[in-house]
Amino acid sequence: MHARKGDWLVVEGTHVGDGRQEGLIIDIPHPDGSPPYLVKWLDGREGLVFPGPDGRVIDHAPHEHVAS
């Protein structure tokens, strides 16, 4: 997985009842775009994320909540 600052990270819930999480990638420590990513989630939290197989990176195009 590779990303650029300004891309969006979408993580699908892995259990019944888990919601989707969407966040803006605000920093990438590695120059090759590999994880971890510093993400600002839509609810305002920030955190360092190592996305698993349930995550995907969406191009930094304008974002209106990514539809599945």
Protein backbone atom coordinates (compact mmCIF):
# COMPACT_ATOMS: atom_id res chain seq x y z
CA MET A 1 0.00 0.00 0.00
CA HIS A 2 1.29 3.45 -0.93
CA ALA A 3 -0.19 6.88 -0.29
CA ARG A 4 0.53 10.58 -0.56
CA LYS A 5 -0.22 13.34 1.88
CA GLY A 6 -3.78 14.47 1.13
CA ASP A 7 -5.06 11.03 0.15
CA TRP A 8 -7.90 9.43 2.10
CA LEU A 9 -7.73 6.22 4.08
CA VAL A 10 -10.90 4.14 4.27
CA VAL A 11 -11.05 1.25 6.73
CA GLU A 12 -14.04 -1.08 6.54
CA GLY A 13 -15.44 -2.59 9.72
CA THR A 14 -14.30 -6.17 10.25
CA HIS A 15 -17.14 -7.26 12.56
CA VAL A 16 -20.91 -7.00 12.27
CA GLY A 17 -21.92 -3.56 13.52
CA ASP A 18 -18.48 -2.00 12.99
CA GLY A 19 -18.74 1.10 10.88
CA ARG A 20 -16.48 2.36 8.16
CA GLN A 21 -13.78 4.82 9.19
CA GLU A 22 -12.61 7.54 6.82
CA GLY A 23 -9.72 9.87 7.38
CA LEU A 24 -7.37 12.28 5.67
CA ILE A 25 -3.72 11.25 5.51
CA ILE A 26 -1.90 14.27 6.93
CA ASP A 27 1.64 12.90 7.16
CA ILE A 28 3.69 10.00 5.83
CA PRO A 29 7.01 9.35 7.58
CA HIS A 30 8.49 7.28 4.72
CA PRO A 31 9.38 8.95 1.40
CA ASP A 32 8.21 5.88 -0.57
CA GLY A 33 4.59 6.35 0.66
CA SER A 34 4.49 3.16 2.70
CA PRO A 35 2.74 2.94 6.10
CA PRO A 36 2.42 4.02 8.80
CA TYR A 37 0.27 7.06 8.04
CA LEU A 38 -0.74 9.89 10.35
CA VAL A 39 -4.48 10.13 9.77
CA LYS A 40 -7.04 12.73 10.84
CA TRP A 41 -10.34 10.84 11.05
CA LEU A 42 -13.62 12.54 10.17
CA ASP A 43 -14.57 12.64 13.87
CA GLY A 44 -11.50 14.82 14.58
CA ARG A 45 -9.24 12.20 16.17
CA GLU A 46 -5.69 11.78 14.87
CA GLY A 47 -3.57 8.67 14.99
CA LEU A 48 -0.72 6.74 13.46
CA VAL A 49 -2.15 3.88 11.37
CA PHE A 50 -0.70 0.72 9.86
CA PRO A 51 -3.63 -0.24 7.58
CA GLY A 52 -4.55 -3.90 7.35
CA PRO A 53 -6.30 -5.78 4.55
CA ASP A 54 -9.57 -3.97 5.37
CA GLY A 55 -8.08 -0.58 4.45
CA ARG A 56 -7.67 1.17 1.14
CA VAL A 57 -6.19 4.45 -0.03
CA ILE A 58 -8.31 6.78 -2.14
CA ASP A 59 -6.70 9.42 -4.37
CA HIS A 60 -6.58 12.93 -2.94
CA ALA A 61 -9.40 14.11 -5.22
CA PRO A 62 -12.23 16.02 -3.51
CA HIS A 63 -13.87 13.76 -0.96
CA GLU A 64 -17.54 13.44 -0.11
CA HIS A 65 -17.54 10.34 2.08
CA VAL A 66 -16.34 7.45 -0.01
CA ALA A 67 -19.13 5.16 -1.19
CA SER A 68 -18.49 1.43 -1.39
